[in-house]
Amino acid sequence: MTATDQDIEQRIIEIWRDVLGDDDVTADDDFFDLGGSSIAAIRILPKLSEAFGVDAEVGLVFDNPTPGELAAAVAALAR
């Protein structure tokens, strides 16, 4: 069974909350506006790999800076 884009988005929000230490992350929040950095983006990559079985590069976070955008990109990688 594959996860829906909404399921992916919710899991990404949970990952960001954990990595950024911010319980108020929503689907439209910008990673960098929340204090995200290149180090934090690198910390997200293995969590994406574990959660979704994708081999993502740090540019994926930079190019898709909201959980909603990142969820769509992760879903496309997972296909």
PDB file of N, CA and C in Angstrom:
ATOM      1  N   MET A   1       0.849  -1.183   0.000  1.00  0.00           N
ATOM      2  CA  MET A   1       0.000   0.000   0.000  1.00  0.00           C
ATOM      3  C   MET A   1       0.891   1.242   0.000  1.00  0.00           C
ATOM      4  N   THR A   2       0.599   2.182  -0.871  1.00  0.00           N
ATOM      5  CA  THR A   2       1.392   3.401  -0.941  1.00  0.00           C
ATOM      6  C   THR A   2       0.715   4.513  -0.152  1.00  0.00           C
ATOM      7  N   ALA A   3       1.538   5.375   0.361  1.00  0.00           N
ATOM      8  CA  ALA A   3       1.030   6.513   1.128  1.00  0.00           C
ATOM      9  C   ALA A   3       0.481   7.563   0.176  1.00  0.00           C
ATOM     10  N   THR A   4      -0.558   8.237   0.597  1.00  0.00           N
ATOM     11  CA  THR A   4      -1.094   9.340  -0.194  1.00  0.00           C
ATOM     12  C   THR A   4      -0.198  10.556  -0.008  1.00  0.00           C
ATOM     13  N   ASP A   5      -0.348  11.518  -0.893  1.00  0.00           N
ATOM     14  CA  ASP A   5       0.423  12.755  -0.756  1.00  0.00           C
ATOM     15  C   ASP A   5       0.150  13.421   0.588  1.00  0.00           C
ATOM     16  N   GLN A   6      -1.084  13.341   1.065  1.00  0.00           N
ATOM     17  CA  GLN A   6      -1.416  13.945   2.356  1.00  0.00           C
ATOM     18  C   GLN A   6      -0.709  13.206   3.492  1.00  0.00           C
ATOM     19  N   ASP A   7      -0.617  11.878   3.401  1.00  0.00           N
ATOM     20  CA  ASP A   7       0.114  11.098   4.407  1.00  0.00           C
ATOM     21  C   ASP A   7       1.593  11.471   4.391  1.00  0.00           C
ATOM     22  N   ILE A   8       2.132  11.626   3.182  1.00  0.00           N
ATOM     23  CA  ILE A   8       3.541  12.010   3.041  1.00  0.00           C
ATOM     24  C   ILE A   8       3.756  13.389   3.651  1.00  0.00           C
ATOM     25  N   GLU A   9       2.865  14.309   3.329  1.00  0.00           N
ATOM     26  CA  GLU A   9       2.962  15.668   3.861  1.00  0.00           C
ATOM     27  C   GLU A   9       2.940  15.662   5.386  1.00  0.00           C
ATOM     28  N   GLN A  10       2.038  14.897   5.975  1.00  0.00           N
ATOM     29  CA  GLN A  10       1.937  14.854   7.436  1.00  0.00           C
ATOM     30  C   GLN A  10       3.215  14.273   8.047  1.00  0.00           C
ATOM     31  N   ARG A  11       3.778  13.244   7.433  1.00  0.00           N
ATOM     32  CA  ARG A  11       5.018  12.648   7.964  1.00  0.00           C
ATOM     33  C   ARG A  11       6.173  13.637   7.834  1.00  0.00           C
ATOM     34  N   ILE A  12       6.230  14.387   6.736  1.00  0.00           N
ATOM     35  CA  ILE A  12       7.276  15.396   6.565  1.00  0.00           C
ATOM     36  C   ILE A  12       7.135  16.482   7.634  1.00  0.00           C
ATOM     37  N   ILE A  13       5.914  16.891   7.929  1.00  0.00           N
ATOM     38  CA  ILE A  13       5.694  17.872   8.993  1.00  0.00           C
ATOM     39  C   ILE A  13       6.246  17.333  10.312  1.00  0.00           C
ATOM     40  N   GLU A  14       5.986  16.069  10.601  1.00  0.00           N
ATOM     41  CA  GLU A  14       6.496  15.458  11.828  1.00  0.00           C
ATOM     42  C   GLU A  14       8.026  15.447  11.848  1.00  0.00           C
ATOM     43  N   ILE A  15       8.633  15.133  10.706  1.00  0.00           N
ATOM     44  CA  ILE A  15      10.101  15.121  10.607  1.00  0.00           C
ATOM     45  C   ILE A  15      10.647  16.522  10.854  1.00  0.00           C
ATOM     46  N   TRP A  16      10.047  17.515  10.219  1.00  0.00           N
ATOM     47  CA  TRP A  16      10.510  18.895  10.402  1.00  0.00           C
ATOM     48  C   TRP A  16      10.350  19.339  11.843  1.00  0.00           C
ATOM     49  N   ARG A  17       9.233  18.974  12.458  1.00  0.00           N
ATOM     50  CA  ARG A  17       9.020  19.340  13.861  1.00  0.00           C
ATOM     51  C   ARG A  17      10.134  18.763  14.728  1.00  0.00           C
ATOM     52  N   ASP A  18      10.501  17.533  14.447  1.00  0.00           N
ATOM     53  CA  ASP A  18      11.566  16.874  15.206  1.00  0.00           C
ATOM     54  C   ASP A  18      12.920  17.541  14.956  1.00  0.00           C
ATOM     55  N   VAL A  19      13.271  17.725  13.708  1.00  0.00           N
ATOM     56  CA  VAL A  19      14.588  18.275  13.354  1.00  0.00           C
ATOM     57  C   VAL A  19      14.712  19.744  13.771  1.00  0.00           C
ATOM     58  N   LEU A  20      13.659  20.506  13.569  1.00  0.00           N
ATOM     59  CA  LEU A  20      13.715  21.941  13.859  1.00  0.00           C
ATOM     60  C   LEU A  20      13.315  22.278  15.292  1.00  0.00           C
ATOM     61  N   GLY A  21      12.763  21.313  16.004  1.00  0.00           N
ATOM     62  CA  GLY A  21      12.339  21.570  17.377  1.00  0.00           C
ATOM     63  C   GLY A  21      11.193  22.560  17.461  1.00  0.00           C
ATOM     64  N   ASP A  22      10.299  22.520  16.475  1.00  0.00           N
ATOM     65  CA  ASP A  22       9.178  23.461  16.400  1.00  0.00           C
ATOM     66  C   ASP A  22       7.887  22.669  16.221  1.00  0.00           C
ATOM     67  N   ASP A  23       7.048  22.668  17.230  1.00  0.00           N
ATOM     68  CA  ASP A  23       5.799  21.900  17.180  1.00  0.00           C
ATOM     69  C   ASP A  23       4.707  22.562  16.359  1.00  0.00           C
ATOM     70  N   ASP A  24       4.952  23.750  15.836  1.00  0.00           N
ATOM     71  CA  ASP A  24       3.922  24.497  15.118  1.00  0.00           C
ATOM     72  C   ASP A  24       4.086  24.473  13.598  1.00  0.00           C
ATOM     73  N   VAL A  25       4.899  23.573  13.058  1.00  0.00           N
ATOM     74  CA  VAL A  25       5.102  23.501  11.608  1.00  0.00           C
ATOM     75  C   VAL A  25       3.800  23.102  10.924  1.00  0.00           C
ATOM     76  N   THR A  26       3.471  23.815   9.841  1.00  0.00           N
ATOM     77  CA  THR A  26       2.297  23.490   9.029  1.00  0.00           C
ATOM     78  C   THR A  26       2.741  23.237   7.589  1.00  0.00           C
ATOM     79  N   ALA A  27       1.825  22.791   6.758  1.00  0.00           N
ATOM     80  CA  ALA A  27       2.133  22.411   5.377  1.00  0.00           C
ATOM     81  C   ALA A  27       2.675  23.558   4.533  1.00  0.00           C
ATOM     82  N   ASP A  28       2.345  24.792   4.892  1.00  0.00           N
ATOM     83  CA  ASP A  28       2.750  25.946   4.080  1.00  0.00           C
ATOM     84  C   ASP A  28       3.949  26.703   4.640  1.00  0.00           C
ATOM     85  N   ASP A  29       4.514  26.224   5.742  1.00  0.00           N
ATOM     86  CA  ASP A  29       5.658  26.910   6.339  1.00  0.00           C
ATOM     87  C   ASP A  29       6.918  26.693   5.514  1.00  0.00           C
ATOM     88  N   ASP A  30       7.694  27.745   5.389  1.00  0.00           N
ATOM     89  CA  ASP A  30       8.964  27.687   4.664  1.00  0.00           C
ATOM     90  C   ASP A  30      10.075  27.201   5.595  1.00  0.00           C
ATOM     91  N   PHE A  31      10.788  26.203   5.164  1.00  0.00           N
ATOM     92  CA  PHE A  31      11.861  25.588   5.939  1.00  0.00           C
ATOM     93  C   PHE A  31      12.845  26.631   6.467  1.00  0.00           C
ATOM     94  N   PHE A  32      13.241  27.544   5.624  1.00  0.00           N
ATOM     95  CA  PHE A  32      14.257  28.522   5.998  1.00  0.00           C
ATOM     96  C   PHE A  32      13.686  29.616   6.901  1.00  0.00           C
ATOM     97  N   ASP A  33      12.414  29.965   6.715  1.00  0.00           N
ATOM     98  CA  ASP A  33      11.768  30.919   7.617  1.00  0.00           C
ATOM     99  C   ASP A  33      11.636  30.350   9.028  1.00  0.00           C
ATOM    100  N   LEU A  34      11.597  29.033   9.127  1.00  0.00           N
ATOM    101  CA  LEU A  34      11.499  28.358  10.429  1.00  0.00           C
ATOM    102  C   LEU A  34      12.857  28.189  11.100  1.00  0.00           C
ATOM    103  N   GLY A  35      13.903  28.677  10.458  1.00  0.00           N
ATOM    104  CA  GLY A  35      15.243  28.549  11.019  1.00  0.00           C
ATOM    105  C   GLY A  35      16.030  27.389  10.453  1.00  0.00           C
ATOM    106  N   GLY A  36      15.484  26.748   9.422  1.00  0.00           N
ATOM    107  CA  GLY A  36      16.177  25.638   8.776  1.00  0.00           C
ATOM    108  C   GLY A  36      17.487  26.096   8.154  1.00  0.00           C
ATOM    109  N   SER A  37      18.452  25.212   8.162  1.00  0.00           N
ATOM    110  CA  SER A  37      19.781  25.497   7.605  1.00  0.00           C
ATOM    111  C   SER A  37      20.205  24.309   6.746  1.00  0.00           C
ATOM    112  N   SER A  38      21.353  24.457   6.122  1.00  0.00           N
ATOM    113  CA  SER A  38      21.853  23.334   5.316  1.00  0.00           C
ATOM    114  C   SER A  38      22.126  22.123   6.202  1.00  0.00           C
ATOM    115  N   ILE A  39      22.582  22.347   7.420  1.00  0.00           N
ATOM    116  CA  ILE A  39      22.823  21.232   8.347  1.00  0.00           C
ATOM    117  C   ILE A  39      21.504  20.543   8.690  1.00  0.00           C
ATOM    118  N   ALA A  40      20.468  21.321   8.969  1.00  0.00           N
ATOM    119  CA  ALA A  40      19.157  20.739   9.274  1.00  0.00           C
ATOM    120  C   ALA A  40      18.608  19.984   8.067  1.00  0.00           C
ATOM    121  N   ALA A  41      18.820  20.531   6.873  1.00  0.00           N
ATOM    122  CA  ALA A  41      18.362  19.845   5.660  1.00  0.00           C
ATOM    123  C   ALA A  41      19.064  18.493   5.517  1.00  0.00           C
ATOM    124  N   ILE A  42      20.351  18.460   5.812  1.00  0.00           N
ATOM    125  CA  ILE A  42      21.104  17.205   5.745  1.00  0.00           C
ATOM    126  C   ILE A  42      20.582  16.214   6.777  1.00  0.00           C
ATOM    127  N   ARG A  43      20.173  16.698   7.927  1.00  0.00           N
ATOM    128  CA  ARG A  43      19.621  15.820   8.969  1.00  0.00           C
ATOM    129  C   ARG A  43      18.271  15.235   8.566  1.00  0.00           C
ATOM    130  N   ILE A  44      17.562  15.915   7.683  1.00  0.00           N
ATOM    131  CA  ILE A  44      16.258  15.446   7.208  1.00  0.00           C
ATOM    132  C   ILE A  44      16.393  14.284   6.224  1.00  0.00           C
ATOM    133  N   LEU A  45      17.455  14.266   5.443  1.00  0.00           N
ATOM    134  CA  LEU A  45      17.592  13.281   4.366  1.00  0.00           C
ATOM    135  C   LEU A  45      17.470  11.827   4.818  1.00  0.00           C
ATOM    136  N   PRO A  46      18.188  11.395   5.851  1.00  0.00           N
ATOM    137  CA  PRO A  46      18.026   9.987   6.244  1.00  0.00           C
ATOM    138  C   PRO A  46      16.633   9.679   6.785  1.00  0.00           C
ATOM    139  N   LYS A  47      15.987  10.676   7.337  1.00  0.00           N
ATOM    140  CA  LYS A  47      14.620  10.468   7.829  1.00  0.00           C
ATOM    141  C   LYS A  47      13.656  10.295   6.654  1.00  0.00           C
ATOM    142  N   LEU A  48      13.874  11.040   5.564  1.00  0.00           N
ATOM    143  CA  LEU A  48      13.066  10.853   4.358  1.00  0.00           C
ATOM    144  C   LEU A  48      13.304   9.471   3.769  1.00  0.00           C
ATOM    145  N   SER A  49      14.563   9.073   3.744  1.00  0.00           N
ATOM    146  CA  SER A  49      14.914   7.754   3.213  1.00  0.00           C
ATOM    147  C   SER A  49      14.240   6.651   4.021  1.00  0.00           C
ATOM    148  N   GLU A  50      14.307   6.772   5.335  1.00  0.00           N
ATOM    149  CA  GLU A  50      13.714   5.752   6.210  1.00  0.00           C
ATOM    150  C   GLU A  50      12.193   5.722   6.075  1.00  0.00           C
ATOM    151  N   ALA A  51      11.575   6.879   6.025  1.00  0.00           N
ATOM    152  CA  ALA A  51      10.114   6.963   6.001  1.00  0.00           C
ATOM    153  C   ALA A  51       9.519   6.573   4.653  1.00  0.00           C
ATOM    154  N   PHE A  52      10.231   6.918   3.559  1.00  0.00           N
ATOM    155  CA  PHE A  52       9.623   6.766   2.236  1.00  0.00           C
ATOM    156  C   PHE A  52      10.433   5.914   1.259  1.00  0.00           C
ATOM    157  N   GLY A  53      11.603   5.470   1.670  1.00  0.00           N
ATOM    158  CA  GLY A  53      12.410   4.633   0.790  1.00  0.00           C
ATOM    159  C   GLY A  53      12.952   5.364  -0.423  1.00  0.00           C
ATOM    160  N   VAL A  54      13.214   6.654  -0.271  1.00  0.00           N
ATOM    161  CA  VAL A  54      13.758   7.449  -1.378  1.00  0.00           C
ATOM    162  C   VAL A  54      15.194   7.847  -1.076  1.00  0.00           C
ATOM    163  N   ASP A  55      15.957   8.028  -2.128  1.00  0.00           N
ATOM    164  CA  ASP A  55      17.338   8.492  -2.003  1.00  0.00           C
ATOM    165  C   ASP A  55      17.354   9.958  -2.413  1.00  0.00           C
ATOM    166  N   ALA A  56      17.124  10.843  -1.451  1.00  0.00           N
ATOM    167  CA  ALA A  56      17.003  12.274  -1.728  1.00  0.00           C
ATOM    168  C   ALA A  56      18.330  12.983  -1.483  1.00  0.00           C
ATOM    169  N   GLU A  57      18.548  14.024  -2.264  1.00  0.00           N
ATOM    170  CA  GLU A  57      19.709  14.887  -2.074  1.00  0.00           C
ATOM    171  C   GLU A  57      19.249  16.181  -1.411  1.00  0.00           C
ATOM    172  N   VAL A  58      20.185  16.884  -0.808  1.00  0.00           N
ATOM    173  CA  VAL A  58      19.857  18.089  -0.049  1.00  0.00           C
ATOM    174  C   VAL A  58      19.164  19.136  -0.919  1.00  0.00           C
ATOM    175  N   GLY A  59      19.443  19.160  -2.193  1.00  0.00           N
ATOM    176  CA  GLY A  59      18.785  20.108  -3.096  1.00  0.00           C
ATOM    177  C   GLY A  59      17.281  19.946  -3.138  1.00  0.00           C
ATOM    178  N   LEU A  60      16.803  18.747  -2.821  1.00  0.00           N
ATOM    179  CA  LEU A  60      15.359  18.509  -2.816  1.00  0.00           C
ATOM    180  C   LEU A  60      14.677  19.397  -1.774  1.00  0.00           C
ATOM    181  N   VAL A  61      15.299  19.542  -0.620  1.00  0.00           N
ATOM    182  CA  VAL A  61      14.746  20.409   0.429  1.00  0.00           C
ATOM    183  C   VAL A  61      14.860  21.870   0.009  1.00  0.00           C
ATOM    184  N   PHE A  62      15.994  22.242  -0.568  1.00  0.00           N
ATOM    185  CA  PHE A  62      16.183  23.629  -1.002  1.00  0.00           C
ATOM    186  C   PHE A  62      15.182  24.015  -2.090  1.00  0.00           C
ATOM    187  N   ASP A  63      14.920  23.094  -3.013  1.00  0.00           N
ATOM    188  CA  ASP A  63      14.017  23.375  -4.133  1.00  0.00           C
ATOM    189  C   ASP A  63      12.544  23.269  -3.754  1.00  0.00           C
ATOM    190  N   ASN A  64      12.261  22.625  -2.638  1.00  0.00           N
ATOM    191  CA  ASN A  64      10.883  22.400  -2.186  1.00  0.00           C
ATOM    192  C   ASN A  64      10.795  22.760  -0.701  1.00  0.00           C
ATOM    193  N   PRO A  65      10.801  24.060  -0.382  1.00  0.00           N
ATOM    194  CA  PRO A  65      11.000  24.498   0.997  1.00  0.00           C
ATOM    195  C   PRO A  65       9.786  24.438   1.919  1.00  0.00           C
ATOM    196  N   THR A  66       8.640  23.955   1.442  1.00  0.00           N
ATOM    197  CA  THR A  66       7.504  23.773   2.337  1.00  0.00           C
ATOM    198  C   THR A  66       7.177  22.284   2.413  1.00  0.00           C
ATOM    199  N   PRO A  67       6.565  21.834   3.489  1.00  0.00           N
ATOM    200  CA  PRO A  67       6.192  20.418   3.561  1.00  0.00           C
ATOM    201  C   PRO A  67       5.287  19.991   2.411  1.00  0.00           C
ATOM    202  N   GLY A  68       4.392  20.863   1.987  1.00  0.00           N
ATOM    203  CA  GLY A  68       3.510  20.537   0.863  1.00  0.00           C
ATOM    204  C   GLY A  68       4.278  20.311  -0.426  1.00  0.00           C
ATOM    205  N   GLU A  69       5.209  21.202  -0.713  1.00  0.00           N
ATOM    206  CA  GLU A  69       6.039  21.056  -1.919  1.00  0.00           C
ATOM    207  C   GLU A  69       6.942  19.843  -1.820  1.00  0.00           C
ATOM    208  N   LEU A  70       7.532  19.650  -0.668  1.00  0.00           N
ATOM    209  CA  LEU A  70       8.433  18.520  -0.481  1.00  0.00           C
ATOM    210  C   LEU A  70       7.672  17.199  -0.576  1.00  0.00           C
ATOM    211  N   ALA A  71       6.442  17.168  -0.083  1.00  0.00           N
ATOM    212  CA  ALA A  71       5.640  15.947  -0.167  1.00  0.00           C
ATOM    213  C   ALA A  71       5.398  15.556  -1.634  1.00  0.00           C
ATOM    214  N   ALA A  72       5.093  16.524  -2.472  1.00  0.00           N
ATOM    215  CA  ALA A  72       4.866  16.246  -3.891  1.00  0.00           C
ATOM    216  C   ALA A  72       6.158  15.718  -4.537  1.00  0.00           C
ATOM    217  N   ALA A  73       7.294  16.326  -4.192  1.00  0.00           N
ATOM    218  CA  ALA A  73       8.576  15.897  -4.756  1.00  0.00           C
ATOM    219  C   ALA A  73       8.945  14.493  -4.274  1.00  0.00           C
ATOM    220  N   VAL A  74       8.711  14.207  -2.997  1.00  0.00           N
ATOM    221  CA  VAL A  74       9.008  12.875  -2.446  1.00  0.00           C
ATOM    222  C   VAL A  74       8.086  11.833  -3.099  1.00  0.00           C
ATOM    223  N   ALA A  75       6.818  12.176  -3.272  1.00  0.00           N
ATOM    224  CA  ALA A  75       5.882  11.247  -3.907  1.00  0.00           C
ATOM    225  C   ALA A  75       6.341  10.921  -5.331  1.00  0.00           C
ATOM    226  N   ALA A  76       6.830  11.933  -6.049  1.00  0.00           N
ATOM    227  CA  ALA A  76       7.314  11.699  -7.410  1.00  0.00           C
ATOM    228  C   ALA A  76       8.551  10.809  -7.393  1.00  0.00           C
ATOM    229  N   LEU A  77       9.441  10.998  -6.434  1.00  0.00           N
ATOM    230  CA  LEU A  77      10.633  10.138  -6.323  1.00  0.00           C
ATOM    231  C   LEU A  77      10.265   8.700  -5.981  1.00  0.00           C
ATOM    232  N   ALA A  78       9.229   8.553  -5.165  1.00  0.00           N
ATOM    233  CA  ALA A  78       8.833   7.228  -4.696  1.00  0.00           C
ATOM    234  C   ALA A  78       8.152   6.411  -5.794  1.00  0.00           C
ATOM    235  N   ARG A  79       7.679   7.065  -6.824  1.00  0.00           N
ATOM    236  CA  ARG A  79       6.969   6.361  -7.916  1.00  0.00           C
ATOM    237  C   ARG A  79       7.932   5.659  -8.825  1.00  0.00           C
TER     238      ARG A  79
END
